[in-house]
C-alpha cells in the first residue's frame, strides 16, 4: 500500500471529499487525488464546495472554477 492509497482510504472513511492547500491555492478531489504527484505537508482534508452561489468562501479564483475543496462542509450537508 502506498501513501496515496492510505490517504484516499482515510479521506473516504472520514467523509472528506479531497485535499486543499490554502497557501498554494490548490485542491484535489478524492477521485483525482494528488494530480501533482506530490502532497505538501500543508495539504489538509476538506469538502467539495460548488462555487456558484457560495457565500461562505471568497477565494480570488472563485469566478474561474466550478468547485473547490475547502475546510467547511456546505450548509446543505451539515
N, C-alpha and C. Protein backbone atom coordinates (compact mmCIF):
# COMPACT_ATOMS: atom_id res chain seq x y z
N UNK A 1 0.85 -1.18 0.00
CA UNK A 1 0.00 0.00 0.00
C UNK A 1 0.90 1.24 0.00
N UNK A 2 0.55 2.23 -0.83
CA UNK A 2 1.34 3.45 -0.88
C UNK A 2 0.62 4.59 -0.15
N UNK A 3 1.30 5.72 -0.02
CA UNK A 3 0.75 6.88 0.70
C UNK A 3 -0.56 7.35 0.08
N UNK A 4 -0.61 7.40 -1.25
CA UNK A 4 -1.83 7.86 -1.92
C UNK A 4 -3.01 6.97 -1.56
N UNK A 5 -2.82 5.66 -1.53
CA UNK A 5 -3.89 4.73 -1.14
C UNK A 5 -4.30 4.92 0.31
N UNK A 6 -3.33 5.15 1.19
CA UNK A 6 -3.64 5.35 2.61
C UNK A 6 -4.42 6.65 2.80
N UNK A 7 -4.01 7.72 2.13
CA UNK A 7 -4.72 9.00 2.25
C UNK A 7 -6.13 8.87 1.69
N UNK A 8 -6.27 8.22 0.54
CA UNK A 8 -7.60 8.01 -0.05
C UNK A 8 -8.50 7.23 0.91
N UNK A 9 -7.98 6.18 1.52
CA UNK A 9 -8.75 5.40 2.48
C UNK A 9 -9.18 6.22 3.68
N UNK A 10 -8.27 7.03 4.21
CA UNK A 10 -8.59 7.88 5.36
C UNK A 10 -9.68 8.89 5.00
N UNK A 11 -9.51 9.58 3.86
CA UNK A 11 -10.48 10.58 3.45
C UNK A 11 -11.87 9.96 3.28
N UNK A 12 -11.93 8.83 2.62
CA UNK A 12 -13.21 8.14 2.40
C UNK A 12 -13.85 7.72 3.72
N UNK A 13 -13.06 7.15 4.61
CA UNK A 13 -13.58 6.67 5.89
C UNK A 13 -14.13 7.80 6.75
N UNK A 14 -13.54 8.97 6.65
CA UNK A 14 -13.95 10.11 7.48
C UNK A 14 -14.96 11.03 6.79
N UNK A 15 -15.32 10.72 5.53
CA UNK A 15 -16.34 11.51 4.83
C UNK A 15 -15.82 12.77 4.16
N UNK A 16 -14.52 12.88 3.97
CA UNK A 16 -13.95 14.04 3.28
C UNK A 16 -14.03 13.86 1.77
N UNK A 17 -13.95 14.98 1.04
CA UNK A 17 -14.04 14.96 -0.42
C UNK A 17 -12.70 15.03 -1.11
N UNK A 18 -11.67 15.47 -0.40
CA UNK A 18 -10.35 15.61 -1.01
C UNK A 18 -9.40 16.39 -0.12
N UNK A 19 -8.39 16.98 -0.75
CA UNK A 19 -7.37 17.76 -0.04
C UNK A 19 -7.37 19.19 -0.56
N UNK A 20 -6.98 20.12 0.31
CA UNK A 20 -6.81 21.51 -0.11
C UNK A 20 -5.56 22.08 0.55
N UNK A 21 -5.04 23.13 -0.06
CA UNK A 21 -3.87 23.82 0.47
C UNK A 21 -4.06 25.30 0.19
N UNK A 22 -4.41 26.07 1.21
CA UNK A 22 -4.68 27.49 1.02
C UNK A 22 -3.44 28.28 0.64
N UNK A 23 -2.29 27.86 1.12
CA UNK A 23 -1.05 28.57 0.79
C UNK A 23 -0.74 28.51 -0.70
N UNK A 24 -1.06 27.39 -1.32
CA UNK A 24 -0.76 27.20 -2.74
C UNK A 24 -2.00 27.40 -3.61
N UNK A 25 -3.14 27.73 -2.99
CA UNK A 25 -4.42 27.89 -3.68
C UNK A 25 -4.71 26.70 -4.59
N UNK A 26 -4.66 25.51 -4.01
CA UNK A 26 -4.96 24.32 -4.81
C UNK A 26 -5.79 23.35 -3.99
N UNK A 27 -6.40 22.45 -4.69
CA UNK A 27 -7.18 21.40 -4.06
C UNK A 27 -7.41 20.29 -5.06
N UNK A 28 -7.62 19.10 -4.54
CA UNK A 28 -7.88 17.96 -5.43
C UNK A 28 -8.95 17.08 -4.80
N UNK A 29 -9.84 16.61 -5.66
CA UNK A 29 -10.92 15.73 -5.22
C UNK A 29 -10.38 14.32 -5.05
N UNK A 30 -11.05 13.55 -4.23
CA UNK A 30 -10.62 12.19 -3.94
C UNK A 30 -10.56 11.34 -5.21
N UNK A 31 -11.39 11.68 -6.21
CA UNK A 31 -11.40 10.92 -7.47
C UNK A 31 -10.13 11.13 -8.28
N UNK A 32 -9.45 12.24 -8.05
CA UNK A 32 -8.22 12.57 -8.78
C UNK A 32 -7.20 13.11 -7.79
N UNK A 33 -6.92 12.32 -6.79
CA UNK A 33 -6.08 12.76 -5.69
C UNK A 33 -4.62 12.92 -6.11
N UNK A 34 -4.03 14.00 -5.71
CA UNK A 34 -2.62 14.30 -5.95
C UNK A 34 -2.23 14.26 -7.43
N UNK A 35 -2.94 15.01 -8.29
CA UNK A 35 -2.56 15.03 -9.70
C UNK A 35 -1.17 15.65 -9.90
N UNK A 36 -0.71 16.38 -8.91
CA UNK A 36 0.62 17.00 -8.96
C UNK A 36 1.72 15.98 -8.65
N UNK A 37 1.30 14.76 -8.29
CA UNK A 37 2.23 13.67 -7.96
C UNK A 37 3.01 13.91 -6.66
N UNK A 38 2.55 14.86 -5.87
CA UNK A 38 3.17 15.07 -4.56
C UNK A 38 2.12 15.63 -3.62
N UNK A 39 2.37 15.50 -2.36
CA UNK A 39 1.46 16.04 -1.37
C UNK A 39 2.29 16.88 -0.41
N UNK A 40 1.95 18.14 -0.31
CA UNK A 40 2.65 19.03 0.60
C UNK A 40 2.24 18.71 2.04
N UNK A 41 3.10 18.98 2.96
CA UNK A 41 2.77 18.84 4.37
C UNK A 41 1.69 19.81 4.80
N UNK A 42 1.39 20.80 3.95
CA UNK A 42 0.36 21.79 4.24
C UNK A 42 -1.01 21.39 3.71
N UNK A 43 -1.11 20.28 2.97
CA UNK A 43 -2.41 19.81 2.47
C UNK A 43 -3.26 19.35 3.65
N UNK A 44 -4.55 19.70 3.59
CA UNK A 44 -5.48 19.33 4.66
C UNK A 44 -6.71 18.66 4.05
N UNK A 45 -7.38 17.85 4.83
CA UNK A 45 -8.61 17.20 4.40
C UNK A 45 -9.73 18.23 4.34
N UNK A 46 -10.56 18.14 3.31
CA UNK A 46 -11.65 19.10 3.17
C UNK A 46 -12.83 18.54 2.40
N UNK A 47 -13.77 19.42 2.12
CA UNK A 47 -15.04 19.06 1.50
C UNK A 47 -15.21 19.80 0.18
N UNK A 48 -15.84 19.14 -0.78
CA UNK A 48 -16.10 19.77 -2.08
C UNK A 48 -17.19 20.82 -1.91
N UNK A 49 -16.91 22.01 -2.41
CA UNK A 49 -17.87 23.12 -2.38
C UNK A 49 -18.07 23.60 -3.81
N UNK A 50 -19.31 23.67 -4.26
CA UNK A 50 -19.59 24.20 -5.59
C UNK A 50 -19.64 25.72 -5.48
N UNK A 51 -18.95 26.38 -6.37
CA UNK A 51 -18.72 27.82 -6.26
C UNK A 51 -19.96 28.66 -6.56
N UNK A 52 -20.79 28.23 -7.49
CA UNK A 52 -21.94 29.04 -7.87
C UNK A 52 -22.86 29.23 -6.67
N UNK A 53 -23.05 30.47 -6.27
CA UNK A 53 -23.92 30.78 -5.15
C UNK A 53 -23.28 30.64 -3.78
N UNK A 54 -22.03 30.24 -3.72
CA UNK A 54 -21.36 30.07 -2.43
C UNK A 54 -21.04 31.43 -1.83
N UNK A 55 -21.49 31.63 -0.60
CA UNK A 55 -21.21 32.89 0.09
C UNK A 55 -20.27 32.70 1.27
N UNK A 56 -19.89 31.45 1.54
CA UNK A 56 -19.04 31.15 2.69
C UNK A 56 -17.56 31.37 2.41
N UNK A 57 -17.17 31.17 1.16
CA UNK A 57 -15.75 31.21 0.81
C UNK A 57 -15.56 32.24 -0.29
N UNK A 58 -14.54 33.05 -0.18
CA UNK A 58 -14.28 34.07 -1.19
C UNK A 58 -12.82 34.00 -1.61
N UNK A 59 -12.49 32.98 -2.39
CA UNK A 59 -11.14 32.87 -2.92
C UNK A 59 -11.02 33.79 -4.12
N UNK A 60 -9.84 34.27 -4.40
CA UNK A 60 -9.61 35.14 -5.54
C UNK A 60 -9.97 34.48 -6.86
N UNK A 61 -9.90 33.17 -6.92
CA UNK A 61 -10.09 32.45 -8.18
C UNK A 61 -11.48 31.83 -8.33
N UNK A 62 -12.43 32.16 -7.45
CA UNK A 62 -13.75 31.52 -7.48
C UNK A 62 -14.48 31.68 -8.81
N UNK A 63 -14.30 32.83 -9.47
CA UNK A 63 -15.01 33.06 -10.73
C UNK A 63 -14.52 32.13 -11.84
N UNK A 64 -13.34 31.56 -11.68
CA UNK A 64 -12.72 30.77 -12.74
C UNK A 64 -12.93 29.27 -12.59
N UNK A 65 -13.51 28.83 -11.48
CA UNK A 65 -13.63 27.40 -11.23
C UNK A 65 -15.07 27.01 -10.93
N UNK A 66 -15.38 25.74 -11.07
CA UNK A 66 -16.72 25.23 -10.79
C UNK A 66 -16.87 24.80 -9.34
N UNK A 67 -15.81 24.28 -8.76
CA UNK A 67 -15.83 23.80 -7.38
C UNK A 67 -14.45 23.94 -6.76
N UNK A 68 -14.41 23.81 -5.44
CA UNK A 68 -13.14 23.81 -4.73
C UNK A 68 -13.24 22.82 -3.58
N UNK A 69 -12.12 22.53 -2.98
CA UNK A 69 -12.10 21.74 -1.74
C UNK A 69 -11.78 22.74 -0.63
N UNK A 70 -12.61 22.77 0.39
CA UNK A 70 -12.49 23.78 1.44
C UNK A 70 -12.65 23.13 2.82
N UNK A 71 -12.30 23.87 3.87
CA UNK A 71 -12.33 23.30 5.22
C UNK A 71 -13.73 22.99 5.76
N UNK A 72 -14.75 23.75 5.31
CA UNK A 72 -16.09 23.57 5.86
C UNK A 72 -17.00 22.85 4.89
N UNK A 73 -17.90 22.00 5.44
CA UNK A 73 -18.93 21.37 4.61
C UNK A 73 -19.92 22.44 4.16
N UNK A 74 -20.51 22.26 2.98
CA UNK A 74 -21.58 23.18 2.58
C UNK A 74 -22.74 23.07 3.57
N UNK A 75 -23.47 24.14 3.78
CA UNK A 75 -24.57 24.15 4.75
C UNK A 75 -25.57 23.02 4.53
N UNK A 76 -25.86 22.70 3.27
CA UNK A 76 -26.85 21.65 2.97
C UNK A 76 -26.39 20.27 3.43
N UNK A 77 -25.09 20.09 3.65
CA UNK A 77 -24.57 18.78 4.03
C UNK A 77 -24.25 18.65 5.51
N UNK A 78 -24.47 19.68 6.29
CA UNK A 78 -24.14 19.64 7.72
C UNK A 78 -25.14 18.80 8.48
